[in-house]
Amino acid sequence: MATLRPAPMIELKAGDVLHITAACSVQFTKPVMFRLIKVRHDLVTYDHWIWLDGYQLDAKGEAAARREIFVLRAGLTVQRRTAPAQLGRSRSNVRA
């Protein structure tokens, strides 16, 4: 008999754009796009559920409303990842 394994958890980063659907919570029967500000680790939740702080996006991808949402982490779909931070900027213009 096969054992079901949970899907690996994706690391969420500020700026990620998430597709929030009913797979995340029954309150999202009409899907929304959501730009993440942060995951709220300071709030108590049930196992596998998380609080997210961010912006609900309109059809143009612009922030329409700031929201905190409570979702099932396994239901999240990342539509767009944030660009990696630029490391090792050139210091050629800096004088010692």
N, C-alpha and C. Protein backbone atom coordinates (compact mmCIF):
# COMPACT_ATOMS: atom_id res chain seq x y z
N MET A 1 0.83 -1.17 0.00
CA MET A 1 0.00 0.00 0.00
C MET A 1 0.89 1.24 0.00
N ALA A 2 0.60 2.18 -0.89
CA ALA A 2 1.42 3.38 -1.04
C ALA A 2 1.12 4.37 0.08
N THR A 3 2.16 5.05 0.52
CA THR A 3 2.01 6.09 1.53
C THR A 3 2.06 7.44 0.85
N LEU A 4 1.09 8.30 1.15
CA LEU A 4 1.10 9.63 0.58
C LEU A 4 2.10 10.50 1.32
N ARG A 5 2.88 11.23 0.55
CA ARG A 5 3.84 12.16 1.14
C ARG A 5 3.42 13.57 0.81
N PRO A 6 3.55 14.48 1.77
CA PRO A 6 3.21 15.86 1.46
C PRO A 6 4.16 16.44 0.43
N ALA A 7 3.65 17.35 -0.38
CA ALA A 7 4.50 18.03 -1.36
C ALA A 7 5.54 18.86 -0.62
N PRO A 8 6.73 19.00 -1.20
CA PRO A 8 7.75 19.82 -0.54
C PRO A 8 7.27 21.26 -0.42
N MET A 9 7.56 21.88 0.70
CA MET A 9 7.12 23.25 0.95
C MET A 9 8.05 24.22 0.24
N ILE A 10 7.47 25.13 -0.51
CA ILE A 10 8.25 26.14 -1.18
C ILE A 10 8.62 27.23 -0.19
N GLU A 11 9.76 27.83 -0.40
CA GLU A 11 10.17 28.95 0.44
C GLU A 11 9.53 30.20 -0.12
N LEU A 12 8.81 30.91 0.70
CA LEU A 12 8.15 32.13 0.28
C LEU A 12 9.02 33.32 0.61
N LYS A 13 9.09 34.28 -0.34
CA LYS A 13 9.92 35.47 -0.15
C LYS A 13 9.09 36.71 -0.44
N ALA A 14 9.43 37.79 0.23
CA ALA A 14 8.76 39.06 -0.02
C ALA A 14 8.85 39.40 -1.50
N GLY A 15 7.72 39.82 -2.07
CA GLY A 15 7.67 40.16 -3.48
C GLY A 15 7.13 39.05 -4.36
N ASP A 16 7.09 37.81 -3.85
CA ASP A 16 6.52 36.72 -4.63
C ASP A 16 5.06 37.02 -4.92
N VAL A 17 4.62 36.66 -6.12
CA VAL A 17 3.21 36.81 -6.49
C VAL A 17 2.59 35.41 -6.43
N LEU A 18 1.54 35.29 -5.61
CA LEU A 18 0.91 34.00 -5.35
C LEU A 18 -0.49 33.97 -5.95
N HIS A 19 -0.87 32.81 -6.47
CA HIS A 19 -2.23 32.59 -6.96
C HIS A 19 -2.99 31.92 -5.82
N ILE A 20 -3.95 32.63 -5.27
CA ILE A 20 -4.70 32.15 -4.12
C ILE A 20 -6.06 31.65 -4.60
N THR A 21 -6.33 30.37 -4.39
CA THR A 21 -7.57 29.74 -4.87
C THR A 21 -8.25 29.00 -3.73
N ALA A 22 -9.32 28.31 -4.06
CA ALA A 22 -10.04 27.50 -3.07
C ALA A 22 -9.17 26.39 -2.49
N ALA A 23 -8.09 26.02 -3.18
CA ALA A 23 -7.15 25.04 -2.64
C ALA A 23 -6.45 25.58 -1.39
N CYS A 24 -6.42 26.91 -1.26
CA CYS A 24 -5.81 27.56 -0.10
C CYS A 24 -6.80 27.74 1.04
N SER A 25 -8.05 28.00 0.69
CA SER A 25 -9.10 28.22 1.69
C SER A 25 -10.43 28.36 0.95
N VAL A 26 -11.50 27.90 1.58
CA VAL A 26 -12.82 27.97 0.95
C VAL A 26 -13.27 29.41 0.71
N GLN A 27 -12.68 30.37 1.40
CA GLN A 27 -13.07 31.76 1.18
C GLN A 27 -12.63 32.29 -0.18
N PHE A 28 -11.73 31.57 -0.86
CA PHE A 28 -11.21 32.03 -2.14
C PHE A 28 -11.79 31.24 -3.31
N THR A 29 -13.12 31.12 -3.34
CA THR A 29 -13.77 30.44 -4.47
C THR A 29 -13.55 31.25 -5.74
N LYS A 30 -13.41 32.57 -5.59
CA LYS A 30 -13.00 33.42 -6.70
C LYS A 30 -11.50 33.69 -6.49
N PRO A 31 -10.65 33.12 -7.34
CA PRO A 31 -9.20 33.25 -7.13
C PRO A 31 -8.72 34.71 -7.17
N VAL A 32 -7.65 34.97 -6.43
CA VAL A 32 -7.02 36.29 -6.42
C VAL A 32 -5.52 36.13 -6.59
N MET A 33 -4.91 37.19 -7.09
CA MET A 33 -3.45 37.26 -7.14
C MET A 33 -3.02 38.10 -5.93
N PHE A 34 -1.90 37.71 -5.32
CA PHE A 34 -1.49 38.28 -4.04
C PHE A 34 0.01 38.47 -4.04
N ARG A 35 0.48 39.72 -3.82
CA ARG A 35 1.92 39.99 -3.71
C ARG A 35 2.30 39.96 -2.24
N LEU A 36 3.20 39.05 -1.90
CA LEU A 36 3.58 38.80 -0.52
C LEU A 36 4.49 39.89 0.04
N ILE A 37 4.14 40.37 1.22
CA ILE A 37 5.03 41.25 1.98
C ILE A 37 5.83 40.39 2.96
N LYS A 38 5.09 39.56 3.73
CA LYS A 38 5.79 38.68 4.68
C LYS A 38 4.86 37.58 5.14
N VAL A 39 5.48 36.50 5.62
CA VAL A 39 4.77 35.43 6.29
C VAL A 39 4.74 35.81 7.76
N ARG A 40 3.56 35.76 8.38
CA ARG A 40 3.40 36.14 9.79
C ARG A 40 3.70 34.94 10.69
N HIS A 41 4.93 34.86 11.17
CA HIS A 41 5.32 33.78 12.07
C HIS A 41 4.92 34.07 13.52
N ASP A 42 4.50 35.31 13.78
CA ASP A 42 4.14 35.69 15.15
C ASP A 42 2.71 35.31 15.53
N LEU A 43 1.93 34.82 14.57
CA LEU A 43 0.54 34.44 14.85
C LEU A 43 0.42 32.93 14.95
N VAL A 44 -0.37 32.47 15.92
CA VAL A 44 -0.57 31.05 16.13
C VAL A 44 -1.52 30.51 15.07
N THR A 45 -1.19 29.36 14.51
CA THR A 45 -2.04 28.76 13.47
C THR A 45 -2.18 27.27 13.71
N TYR A 46 -3.05 26.66 12.93
CA TYR A 46 -3.16 25.21 12.90
C TYR A 46 -2.02 24.67 12.05
N ASP A 47 -1.70 23.37 12.20
CA ASP A 47 -0.65 22.76 11.38
C ASP A 47 -0.97 22.95 9.90
N HIS A 48 0.05 23.31 9.14
CA HIS A 48 0.00 23.46 7.68
C HIS A 48 -0.73 24.72 7.22
N TRP A 49 -1.16 25.58 8.12
CA TRP A 49 -1.81 26.83 7.77
C TRP A 49 -0.88 27.97 8.13
N ILE A 50 -0.94 29.07 7.36
CA ILE A 50 -0.07 30.22 7.62
C ILE A 50 -0.85 31.52 7.39
N TRP A 51 -0.40 32.56 8.08
CA TRP A 51 -0.90 33.92 7.85
C TRP A 51 0.06 34.62 6.90
N LEU A 52 -0.50 35.26 5.88
CA LEU A 52 0.30 36.03 4.93
C LEU A 52 -0.13 37.48 4.97
N ASP A 53 0.83 38.38 4.88
CA ASP A 53 0.58 39.81 4.82
C ASP A 53 1.01 40.27 3.44
N GLY A 54 0.14 41.00 2.74
CA GLY A 54 0.51 41.44 1.40
C GLY A 54 -0.57 42.25 0.74
N TYR A 55 -0.51 42.30 -0.59
CA TYR A 55 -1.44 43.09 -1.38
C TYR A 55 -2.20 42.21 -2.35
N GLN A 56 -3.53 42.37 -2.37
CA GLN A 56 -4.32 41.75 -3.41
C GLN A 56 -4.12 42.59 -4.66
N LEU A 57 -3.89 41.93 -5.80
CA LEU A 57 -3.60 42.63 -7.04
C LEU A 57 -4.83 42.72 -7.93
N ASP A 58 -4.92 43.80 -8.71
CA ASP A 58 -6.01 43.93 -9.66
C ASP A 58 -5.61 43.27 -10.98
N ALA A 59 -6.45 43.42 -12.01
CA ALA A 59 -6.20 42.78 -13.31
C ALA A 59 -4.92 43.28 -13.98
N LYS A 60 -4.47 44.48 -13.63
CA LYS A 60 -3.23 45.03 -14.21
C LYS A 60 -1.99 44.61 -13.42
N GLY A 61 -2.19 43.92 -12.30
CA GLY A 61 -1.07 43.51 -11.46
C GLY A 61 -0.66 44.58 -10.46
N GLU A 62 -1.51 45.59 -10.30
CA GLU A 62 -1.25 46.67 -9.35
C GLU A 62 -1.90 46.34 -8.01
N ALA A 63 -1.30 46.84 -6.94
CA ALA A 63 -1.86 46.63 -5.60
C ALA A 63 -3.22 47.32 -5.49
N ALA A 64 -4.25 46.55 -5.14
CA ALA A 64 -5.60 47.09 -5.01
C ALA A 64 -6.02 47.22 -3.55
N ALA A 65 -5.54 46.31 -2.70
CA ALA A 65 -5.91 46.34 -1.28
C ALA A 65 -4.87 45.58 -0.47
N ARG A 66 -4.52 46.15 0.69
CA ARG A 66 -3.62 45.44 1.60
C ARG A 66 -4.45 44.47 2.41
N ARG A 67 -3.95 43.22 2.54
CA ARG A 67 -4.71 42.19 3.25
C ARG A 67 -3.80 41.29 4.05
N GLU A 68 -4.37 40.71 5.10
CA GLU A 68 -3.77 39.58 5.81
C GLU A 68 -4.70 38.41 5.55
N ILE A 69 -4.13 37.31 5.07
CA ILE A 69 -4.96 36.15 4.75
C ILE A 69 -4.43 34.91 5.46
N PHE A 70 -5.33 34.01 5.76
CA PHE A 70 -5.03 32.75 6.46
C PHE A 70 -5.28 31.64 5.46
N VAL A 71 -4.21 30.91 5.08
CA VAL A 71 -4.31 29.94 3.99
C VAL A 71 -3.62 28.63 4.32
N LEU A 72 -4.03 27.60 3.62
CA LEU A 72 -3.38 26.30 3.69
C LEU A 72 -2.14 26.36 2.80
N ARG A 73 -0.99 26.18 3.39
CA ARG A 73 0.26 26.37 2.67
C ARG A 73 0.38 25.48 1.43
N ALA A 74 -0.08 24.24 1.53
CA ALA A 74 0.05 23.31 0.40
C ALA A 74 -0.76 23.76 -0.82
N GLY A 75 -1.76 24.62 -0.63
CA GLY A 75 -2.57 25.09 -1.74
C GLY A 75 -1.97 26.25 -2.51
N LEU A 76 -0.89 26.82 -2.02
CA LEU A 76 -0.29 28.00 -2.65
C LEU A 76 0.40 27.64 -3.97
N THR A 77 0.24 28.54 -4.93
CA THR A 77 0.95 28.43 -6.20
C THR A 77 1.69 29.74 -6.43
N VAL A 78 3.01 29.67 -6.61
CA VAL A 78 3.80 30.86 -6.88
C VAL A 78 3.75 31.13 -8.38
N GLN A 79 3.23 32.31 -8.75
CA GLN A 79 3.15 32.69 -10.16
C GLN A 79 4.43 33.35 -10.63
N ARG A 80 5.04 34.13 -9.74
CA ARG A 80 6.27 34.85 -10.11
C ARG A 80 7.15 34.97 -8.88
N ARG A 81 8.38 34.56 -9.01
CA ARG A 81 9.34 34.68 -7.90
C ARG A 81 9.99 36.04 -7.93
N THR A 82 10.47 36.46 -6.79
CA THR A 82 11.22 37.71 -6.72
C THR A 82 12.57 37.51 -7.38
N ALA A 83 13.12 38.57 -7.89
CA ALA A 83 14.46 38.50 -8.49
C ALA A 83 15.46 38.34 -7.36
N PRO A 84 16.52 37.55 -7.57
CA PRO A 84 17.53 37.40 -6.52
C PRO A 84 18.18 38.76 -6.21
N ALA A 85 18.51 38.96 -4.96
CA ALA A 85 19.17 40.21 -4.56
C ALA A 85 20.52 40.32 -5.23
N GLN A 86 20.89 41.54 -5.60
CA GLN A 86 22.18 41.74 -6.24
C GLN A 86 23.27 41.69 -5.17
N LEU A 87 24.19 40.79 -5.36
CA LEU A 87 25.30 40.65 -4.42
C LEU A 87 26.58 41.16 -5.07
N GLY A 88 27.47 41.64 -4.26
CA GLY A 88 28.78 42.04 -4.76
C GLY A 88 28.73 43.21 -5.72
N ARG A 89 28.05 44.28 -5.33
CA ARG A 89 28.00 45.46 -6.19
C ARG A 89 29.40 45.99 -6.43
N SER A 90 29.58 46.59 -7.55
CA SER A 90 30.88 47.15 -7.92
C SER A 90 31.23 48.28 -6.96
N ARG A 91 32.45 48.29 -6.50
CA ARG A 91 32.90 49.33 -5.58
C ARG A 91 33.95 50.20 -6.24
N SER A 92 33.96 50.25 -7.57
CA SER A 92 35.00 50.99 -8.29
C SER A 92 34.94 52.49 -8.03
N ASN A 93 33.76 53.02 -7.66
CA ASN A 93 33.63 54.45 -7.42
C ASN A 93 33.85 54.83 -5.97
N VAL A 94 34.17 53.89 -5.13
CA VAL A 94 34.36 54.15 -3.71
C VAL A 94 35.84 54.41 -3.45
N ARG A 95 36.15 55.52 -2.77
CA ARG A 95 37.54 55.84 -2.46
C ARG A 95 37.87 55.38 -1.06
N ALA A 96 39.05 54.87 -0.88
CA ALA A 96 39.49 54.40 0.43
C ALA A 96 39.96 55.53 1.30
